[in-house]
Protein backbone atom coordinates (compact mmCIF):
# COMPACT_ATOMS: atom_id res chain seq x y z
CA MET A 1 -0.15 0.20 0.07
CA LYS A 2 1.56 3.36 -1.03
CA TYR A 3 0.94 6.27 1.33
CA ARG A 4 1.01 9.77 0.60
CA THR A 5 4.20 11.68 2.20
CA ARG A 6 3.24 14.75 4.24
CA THR A 7 3.51 18.03 3.05
CA PHE A 8 5.80 20.53 5.11
CA TYR A 9 5.76 24.44 4.43
CA THR A 10 8.62 26.53 5.25
CA ASP A 11 8.06 29.67 7.72
CA LYS A 12 8.33 32.03 4.08
CA GLN A 13 6.20 30.07 2.46
CA LYS A 14 3.31 30.07 5.48
CA SER A 15 3.71 34.09 5.39
CA GLU A 16 3.53 33.76 1.37
CA MET A 17 0.13 31.67 2.04
CA TRP A 18 -0.84 33.81 4.61
CA ASP A 19 -0.56 37.12 2.08
CA ARG A 20 -2.18 35.72 -0.89
CA TRP A 21 -5.27 34.47 1.30
CA GLN A 22 -5.49 37.71 2.71
CA ARG A 23 -5.37 38.81 -0.68
CA GLY A 24 -9.07 37.12 -1.79
CA GLU A 25 -6.71 34.15 -3.76
CA SER A 26 -8.81 30.63 -3.35
CA LEU A 27 -7.16 27.63 -1.83
CA SER A 28 -6.60 26.01 -5.15
CA SER A 29 -4.73 29.50 -6.49
CA ILE A 30 -2.37 29.27 -3.51
CA GLY A 31 -2.01 25.26 -3.94
CA ARG A 32 -0.99 26.14 -7.81
CA ARG A 33 1.50 28.55 -6.55
CA PHE A 34 3.61 25.68 -4.28
CA ASP A 35 2.48 23.19 -6.57
CA ARG A 36 0.95 21.47 -4.01
CA ALA A 37 -2.60 20.58 -3.61
CA SER A 38 -5.18 22.86 -2.26
CA SER A 39 -6.09 20.06 0.70
CA SER A 40 -2.66 20.67 1.93
CA ILE A 41 -3.22 24.41 2.00
CA PHE A 42 -6.34 24.20 4.07
CA PRO A 43 -5.10 22.92 7.45
CA HIS A 44 -2.57 25.75 8.09
CA LEU A 45 -5.18 28.03 7.28
CA ALA A 46 -7.69 26.51 9.58
CA LEU A 47 -5.76 26.04 12.71
CA THR A 48 -6.19 29.68 13.61
CA GLY A 49 -9.86 29.92 11.45
CA GLY A 50 -8.99 31.27 8.41
CA ILE A 51 -7.68 34.58 10.94
CA ARG A 52 -3.99 35.33 10.19
CA PRO A 53 -1.90 34.83 13.36
CA PRO A 54 -0.24 37.47 14.64
CA GLU A 55 3.83 37.56 14.12
CA ARG A 56 5.91 36.63 17.25
CA THR A 57 8.88 39.05 18.33
CA ARG A 58 11.28 38.63 21.18
CA SER A 59 11.90 40.80 23.44
CA GLY A 60 15.41 42.67 23.92
CA ARG A 61 15.68 42.04 26.96
CA VAL A 62 15.94 37.89 26.81
CA LEU A 63 19.33 35.92 26.00
CA SER A 64 19.75 35.75 21.89
CA LEU A 65 20.85 32.96 20.19
CA THR A 66 24.09 34.52 19.47
CA GLU A 67 24.70 34.72 23.42
CA ARG A 68 23.67 31.15 24.17
CA GLU A 69 26.47 30.23 21.76
CA GLU A 70 28.91 32.44 23.83
CA ILE A 71 27.56 30.75 27.00
CA SER A 72 28.04 27.35 25.47
CA ARG A 73 31.52 27.68 23.79
CA GLY A 74 32.55 29.32 27.86
CA LEU A 75 31.41 26.25 29.71
CA ALA A 76 33.35 23.78 27.40
CA SER A 77 36.16 26.04 27.88
CA GLY A 78 35.82 25.58 31.60
CA ARG A 79 35.47 29.51 32.54
CA SER A 80 33.29 30.83 35.48
CA LEU A 81 29.66 31.75 35.08
CA ARG A 82 30.69 35.57 36.21
CA SER A 83 33.19 35.77 33.88
CA ILE A 84 30.91 34.77 31.09
CA ALA A 85 28.06 37.20 32.65
CA CYS A 86 31.07 39.79 32.28
CA ASP A 87 31.79 39.54 28.68
CA LEU A 88 28.16 39.52 27.95
CA SER A 89 27.50 42.42 30.15
CA ARG A 90 24.88 40.24 32.18
CA SER A 91 24.18 39.43 35.61
CA PRO A 92 25.51 36.64 36.87
CA SER A 93 22.18 35.41 38.44
CA THR A 94 20.99 35.51 34.77
CA ILE A 95 23.82 33.10 33.48
CA SER A 96 23.57 30.94 36.11
CA ARG A 97 19.52 30.35 35.91
CA GLU A 98 20.06 29.98 32.22
CA VAL A 99 22.76 27.09 32.75
CA ARG A 100 20.77 25.44 35.53
CA ARG A 101 17.39 25.35 33.49
CA ASN A 102 19.32 23.67 30.65
CA GLY A 103 20.93 20.78 31.98
CA GLY A 104 23.69 22.38 33.99
CA ARG A 105 27.20 22.66 32.55
CA LYS A 106 27.51 19.49 31.05
CA ALA A 107 24.36 19.18 29.01
CA TYR A 108 23.81 22.89 28.03
CA ARG A 109 23.50 23.18 24.48
CA ALA A 110 23.12 26.83 22.97
CA ALA A 111 20.22 25.80 20.11
CA LEU A 112 17.95 23.25 22.24
CA SER A 113 17.88 26.19 25.00
CA ASP A 114 17.07 28.95 22.41
CA GLN A 115 14.29 26.88 21.03
CA ARG A 116 13.08 25.96 24.76
CA ALA A 117 13.52 29.41 25.63
CA TRP A 118 10.79 30.21 22.16
CA ASP A 119 8.66 27.57 23.32
CA CYS A 120 8.01 28.50 26.60
CA ALA A 121 7.75 31.99 26.05
CA ARG A 122 4.03 31.64 24.84
CA ARG A 123 1.84 33.77 27.09
CA PRO A 124 -1.49 33.06 25.43
CA LYS A 125 -3.79 36.09 26.30
CA ALA A 126 -7.38 34.90 27.89
CA CYS A 127 -10.42 36.06 25.78
CA LYS A 128 -12.46 39.24 27.01
CA LEU A 129 -15.78 36.83 26.73
CA SER A 130 -14.06 34.04 28.97
CA PHE A 131 -14.65 36.59 32.33
CA ASN A 132 -17.98 38.05 30.88
CA GLU A 133 -20.88 34.96 31.05
CA ASN A 134 -23.67 37.40 30.85
CA LEU A 135 -22.03 39.45 27.37
CA CYS A 136 -21.54 35.70 25.66
CA ARG A 137 -24.82 34.89 26.66
CA PHE A 138 -25.87 38.04 24.96
CA ILE A 139 -23.51 37.71 21.84
CA ALA A 140 -24.95 34.23 21.58
CA ARG A 141 -28.25 35.22 21.31
CA LYS A 142 -28.03 38.02 18.99
CA LEU A 143 -26.09 35.68 16.91
CA ARG A 144 -29.09 33.80 16.75
CA LEU A 145 -31.45 36.72 15.42
CA LYS A 146 -28.83 36.84 12.27
CA TRP A 147 -26.84 40.00 13.69
CA SER A 148 -23.55 39.94 12.50
CA PRO A 149 -20.52 40.64 14.85
CA GLN A 150 -20.02 44.05 13.47
CA GLN A 151 -23.67 45.14 14.35
CA ILE A 152 -23.53 43.57 17.83
CA ALA A 153 -19.94 45.44 18.62
CA GLY A 154 -21.42 48.52 17.37
CA TRP A 155 -24.58 47.99 19.35
CA LEU A 156 -23.00 47.38 22.66
CA MET A 157 -20.95 50.44 21.93
CA ARG A 158 -23.87 52.27 21.57
CA ARG A 159 -25.72 51.08 24.75
CA HIS A 160 -22.90 51.21 26.89
CA PRO A 161 -20.46 53.78 26.15
CA ASP A 162 -18.90 54.18 29.26
CA GLU A 163 -18.61 50.75 30.17
CA GLU A 164 -15.95 49.04 28.92
CA GLN A 165 -16.09 45.59 30.44
CA GLU A 166 -19.82 45.55 28.23
CA ARG A 167 -18.36 46.04 25.25
CA VAL A 168 -16.32 44.04 22.79
CA SER A 169 -15.26 44.14 19.22
CA HIS A 170 -16.29 42.71 16.15
CA GLU A 171 -13.05 41.29 15.69
CA THR A 172 -13.13 39.45 19.33
CA ILE A 173 -16.47 37.61 18.51
CA TYR A 174 -15.18 36.74 14.68
CA ARG A 175 -11.89 34.85 16.62
CA CYS A 176 -14.15 33.59 19.13
CA LEU A 177 -16.31 31.69 16.27
CA TYR A 178 -13.30 30.69 14.30
CA VAL A 179 -10.68 30.03 16.57
CA GLN A 180 -12.74 27.04 18.94
CA THR A 181 -9.75 26.51 21.32
CA ARG A 182 -10.60 29.97 22.76
CA GLY A 183 -13.52 27.44 24.04
CA VAL A 184 -16.02 30.50 24.14
CA LEU A 185 -18.90 30.61 21.46
CA LYS A 186 -19.78 27.42 20.48
CA LYS A 187 -18.99 26.39 16.77
CA GLU A 188 -22.50 25.93 15.93
CA LEU A 189 -22.70 29.73 15.56
CA GLN A 190 -21.08 29.97 12.89
CA GLN A 191 -24.09 28.82 10.78
CA CYS A 192 -25.74 31.88 12.28
CA LEU A 193 -23.23 34.38 10.14
CA ARG A 194 -24.17 36.16 7.02
CA SER A 195 -21.14 33.48 5.01
CA PRO A 196 -21.55 30.13 7.03
CA ARG A 197 -18.01 29.50 6.10
CA ALA A 198 -15.62 26.54 7.71
CA ILE A 199 -12.81 29.53 8.03
CA ARG A 200 -12.72 32.94 7.93
CA ARG A 201 -12.69 34.60 4.04
CA SER A 202 -11.10 38.05 3.15
CA ARG A 203 -13.30 40.30 1.77
CA HIS A 204 -11.34 40.96 -0.86
CA ALA A 205 -12.32 37.64 -2.57
CA THR A 206 -13.48 38.28 -6.00
CA GLN A 207 -17.23 38.62 -7.11
CA LYS A 208 -18.85 37.73 -10.47
CA GLY A 209 -20.12 40.74 -12.64
CA LEU A 210 -23.39 41.29 -14.27
CA THR A 211 -24.32 40.56 -17.47
CA LEU A 212 -25.33 43.29 -20.17
CA ARG A 213 -29.00 43.67 -20.49
CA LYS A 214 -31.05 46.37 -22.76
CA ILE A 215 -34.15 47.93 -21.89
CA LYS A 216 -36.49 50.21 -24.06
CA ASP A 217 -36.85 53.72 -22.69
CA ALA A 218 -34.65 52.90 -19.47
CA VAL A 219 -33.71 56.35 -17.76
CA PRO A 220 -29.93 56.09 -16.79
CA ILE A 221 -28.96 56.73 -13.42
CA SER A 222 -27.08 59.55 -14.55
CA GLU A 223 -30.19 61.53 -14.87
CA ARG A 224 -31.30 60.73 -11.31
CA PRO A 225 -31.88 64.03 -9.29
CA PRO A 226 -29.00 64.90 -6.82
CA GLU A 227 -31.65 64.82 -3.80
CA ILE A 228 -31.66 60.90 -4.30
CA GLU A 229 -27.63 60.59 -4.06
CA ASP A 230 -27.11 62.15 -1.04
CA ARG A 231 -29.97 59.97 0.90
CA ALA A 232 -30.97 63.13 2.99
CA VAL A 233 -34.61 62.87 1.48
CA PRO A 234 -36.39 59.62 2.50
CA GLY A 235 -38.52 57.93 -0.32
CA HIS A 236 -36.04 56.85 -2.67
CA TRP A 237 -35.92 52.80 -3.05
CA GLU A 238 -33.78 50.29 -4.52
CA GLY A 239 -35.04 46.97 -5.73
CA ASP A 240 -33.79 43.83 -6.82
CA LEU A 241 -34.92 40.13 -7.12
CA ILE A 242 -32.96 37.30 -5.02
CA VAL A 243 -33.19 33.82 -6.80
CA GLY A 244 -34.21 30.28 -5.33
CA ALA A 245 -34.56 26.97 -6.33
CA ASN A 246 -36.99 25.93 -9.15
CA ASN A 247 -37.35 29.51 -10.87
CA SER A 248 -38.82 31.06 -7.61
CA TYR A 249 -37.96 34.86 -6.75
CA ILE A 250 -38.63 37.29 -3.75
CA ALA A 251 -38.30 40.77 -4.72
CA THR A 252 -36.41 43.04 -2.51
CA LEU A 253 -36.91 46.67 -1.81
CA VAL A 254 -34.80 49.09 0.21
CA GLU A 255 -35.00 52.78 1.04
CA ARG A 256 -32.21 54.78 0.82
CA HIS A 257 -32.17 57.00 3.79
CA SER A 258 -32.84 54.37 6.40
CA ARG A 259 -32.46 51.11 4.65
CA PHE A 260 -35.83 49.97 5.82
CA VAL A 261 -36.68 46.67 3.68
CA MET A 262 -40.33 45.42 2.09
CA LEU A 263 -40.46 42.09 0.61
CA ALA A 264 -42.83 41.33 -1.91
CA LYS A 265 -43.90 37.61 -2.86
CA VAL A 266 -43.87 37.24 -6.88
CA ALA A 267 -44.68 34.20 -8.80
CA ASN A 268 -41.62 34.34 -11.27
CA LYS A 269 -39.66 36.33 -12.91
CA ASP A 270 -41.83 37.19 -16.02
CA THR A 271 -42.38 41.41 -16.24
CA GLN A 272 -45.99 41.42 -15.88
CA SER A 273 -45.78 39.24 -12.27
CA VAL A 274 -42.76 41.45 -11.02
CA ILE A 275 -44.72 44.83 -11.93
CA THR A 276 -48.00 43.64 -10.13
CA ALA A 277 -46.14 42.56 -7.31
CA LEU A 278 -44.43 46.15 -6.69
CA ILE A 279 -47.44 48.20 -7.88
CA LYS A 280 -48.83 46.45 -4.82
CA HIS A 281 -46.44 47.22 -2.64
CA ALA A 282 -46.49 50.92 -3.60
CA ARG A 283 -49.69 51.44 -2.72
CA LYS A 284 -49.07 50.46 0.64
CA LEU A 285 -46.85 53.36 1.66
CA PRO A 286 -47.63 57.49 1.32
CA LYS A 287 -46.28 58.81 -1.94
CA GLU A 288 -44.28 60.76 0.20
CA LEU A 289 -42.41 57.83 1.32
CA TYR A 290 -42.09 56.44 -2.25
CA ARG A 291 -40.89 58.85 -4.82
CA SER A 292 -38.30 56.79 -6.83
CA LEU A 293 -37.08 53.26 -7.63
CA THR A 294 -33.76 52.21 -8.38
CA TRP A 295 -33.23 48.52 -10.23
CA ASP A 296 -30.73 47.00 -12.06
CA ARG A 297 -30.93 45.99 -15.80
CA GLY A 298 -33.10 42.68 -15.50
CA SER A 299 -35.61 41.76 -17.95
CA GLU A 300 -38.15 41.45 -15.38
CA MET A 301 -38.53 45.49 -14.89
CA THR A 302 -39.04 45.50 -19.04
CA ASP A 303 -42.61 46.63 -18.58
CA HIS A 304 -41.13 49.52 -16.25
CA VAL A 305 -43.63 52.27 -17.96
CA THR A 306 -46.64 50.41 -16.71
CA PHE A 307 -45.40 50.61 -13.19
CA THR A 308 -44.81 54.39 -13.26
CA MET A 309 -47.87 54.94 -14.96
CA ALA A 310 -49.93 53.23 -11.96
CA THR A 311 -48.02 54.59 -9.55
CA LYS A 312 -46.34 58.08 -10.55
CA ILE A 313 -43.27 56.59 -9.26
CA ASP A 314 -40.02 57.46 -11.35
CA VAL A 315 -37.61 54.24 -12.22
CA TYR A 316 -33.75 54.83 -12.79
CA PHE A 317 -31.50 51.83 -13.93
CA CYS A 318 -28.21 51.29 -13.02
CA ASN A 319 -25.31 51.14 -15.36
CA PRO A 320 -24.83 47.55 -16.96
CA GLN A 321 -22.05 45.70 -14.54
CA SER A 322 -22.71 48.29 -11.90
CA PRO A 323 -24.49 46.56 -9.08
CA TRP A 324 -22.86 49.08 -6.34
CA GLN A 325 -25.24 51.65 -7.95
CA ARG A 326 -27.28 49.82 -5.75
CA GLY A 327 -25.17 49.94 -2.51
CA GLY A 328 -27.92 49.07 -0.35
CA ASN A 329 -29.79 46.81 -1.93
CA GLU A 330 -26.87 44.68 -2.33
CA ASN A 331 -25.79 44.55 1.36
CA THR A 332 -29.27 43.62 1.89
CA ASN A 333 -29.44 41.06 -0.74
CA ARG A 334 -26.28 39.52 1.26
CA LEU A 335 -28.17 39.44 4.99
CA LEU A 336 -31.29 37.92 3.23
CA ARG A 337 -29.47 34.82 2.38
CA GLN A 338 -28.92 34.05 6.06
CA TYR A 339 -32.68 33.62 5.64
CA PHE A 340 -33.35 32.23 2.24
CA PRO A 341 -29.65 30.47 1.62
CA ARG A 342 -29.18 29.86 -2.25
CA GLY A 343 -30.83 26.49 -3.38
CA LEU A 344 -34.02 27.02 -1.27
CA ASP A 345 -37.44 27.10 -3.44
CA MET A 346 -38.83 30.62 -2.45
CA SER A 347 -41.92 29.69 -3.75
CA THR A 348 -42.93 28.08 -0.20
CA TYR A 349 -42.95 31.21 1.51
CA SER A 350 -46.06 33.03 2.03
CA GLN A 351 -46.35 37.24 2.13
CA ALA A 352 -46.57 36.80 5.65
CA LYS A 353 -43.42 35.03 6.23
CA LEU A 354 -41.70 37.24 4.24
CA SER A 355 -43.28 40.18 6.12
CA ALA A 356 -42.10 38.53 9.49
CA VAL A 357 -38.55 38.30 8.12
CA ALA A 358 -38.25 42.00 7.17
CA ARG A 359 -39.43 43.18 10.30
CA GLN A 360 -36.95 40.91 12.16
CA LEU A 361 -34.43 42.41 9.60
CA ASN A 362 -35.65 46.19 10.24
CA GLU A 363 -34.81 45.47 13.93
CA ARG A 364 -31.17 45.02 13.42
CA PRO A 365 -29.26 48.13 13.86
CA ARG A 366 -26.87 49.16 11.16
CA LYS A 367 -23.58 50.65 11.25
CA THR A 368 -23.97 53.24 9.01
CA LEU A 369 -27.18 54.58 10.58
CA GLN A 370 -24.68 54.73 13.94
CA TYR A 371 -26.10 51.62 14.91
CA GLU A 372 -29.82 52.66 15.22
CA THR A 373 -32.37 50.10 13.51
CA PRO A 374 -33.93 50.87 9.97
CA ALA A 375 -37.50 50.54 11.70
CA GLN A 376 -36.83 53.39 14.24
CA ARG A 377 -35.21 55.53 11.66
CA PHE A 378 -38.32 54.85 9.08
CA ALA A 379 -40.65 55.63 11.78
CA LYS A 380 -39.30 59.02 12.40
CA CYS A 381 -40.03 59.64 8.77
CA VAL A 382 -43.36 58.36 9.19
CA ALA A 383 -43.90 60.92 11.70
CA ALA A 384 -42.44 63.81 10.19
CA ILE A 385 -45.12 63.42 7.21
CA ASN A 386 -48.09 62.92 9.49
């Protein structure tokens, strides 16, 4: 039986591996760089949950390898510990302890002593959450409600501005989730994150572009009034479809000023079904809170003229392959994937269920709103027009 040889990486290769992972390269790409299988890359990254460990450094106060070699040579030539210490400008007690803890005069070896000192110098810092059980339970509860670590950290900062022990950074939460040796947050809570991966992925990972589509009489986003661009005035929305299994879809609408979300059940992707659902939802709001709609160039908005005639709402279209022009909607669609994972049949959800999901999402604090919730911000808009 033939056994595979174990794959080893040098410190320099490991450093390059981490550099490439942080730039967003895939495991396969990194493996090709070293002419190795991607399966040999994953264990090195998974050891710390995909989070690059801090580079270890040695204090200038401790003995160096060069000094230990001088000690070894001095002992071999029969010199006293005090004379060795004098040559190294060290305290005699420092040299005495160094020799005694590493086997004495006869057994002392510089390289082994230096490696032992490096191994013993590890001082793992206890996680802040390990000292605060109530805070740990609170974080676990919010994660189950689909709050992101950044939303949790921002909300805690807003709730406890002067109580440092009741706050924690989002990076600490991520590390507790992905580095299980900390033993604070359970591994199954990773499934509550927006992207339930086995290890943490770089935010620089590449994304696929959108396909080019042409829509008749489409008003480009460049002709959108300035008041929509700065998000200062409520009532301007962004929309899109999220796709499920068996050609099932959900229409998502996000208000630009408050990030308030509405979800609409649609029968399928044809323009008549989508336009009918959008008209129905538009009539639920006062005209002051629904003035414009920005969409991508999907074929579902081919009949956008009918929507405008029925609702008096102007429709603007993003440039081809420019989803970032609907940034609020794109971000919301990623959040919604926590509730509606890819491959799920959307047609099984009723409008009541979709409204419940939208309500839960609107009650999550947002960083862009200074960790105020979209529901609170939208409620202020409603109160302002009454």
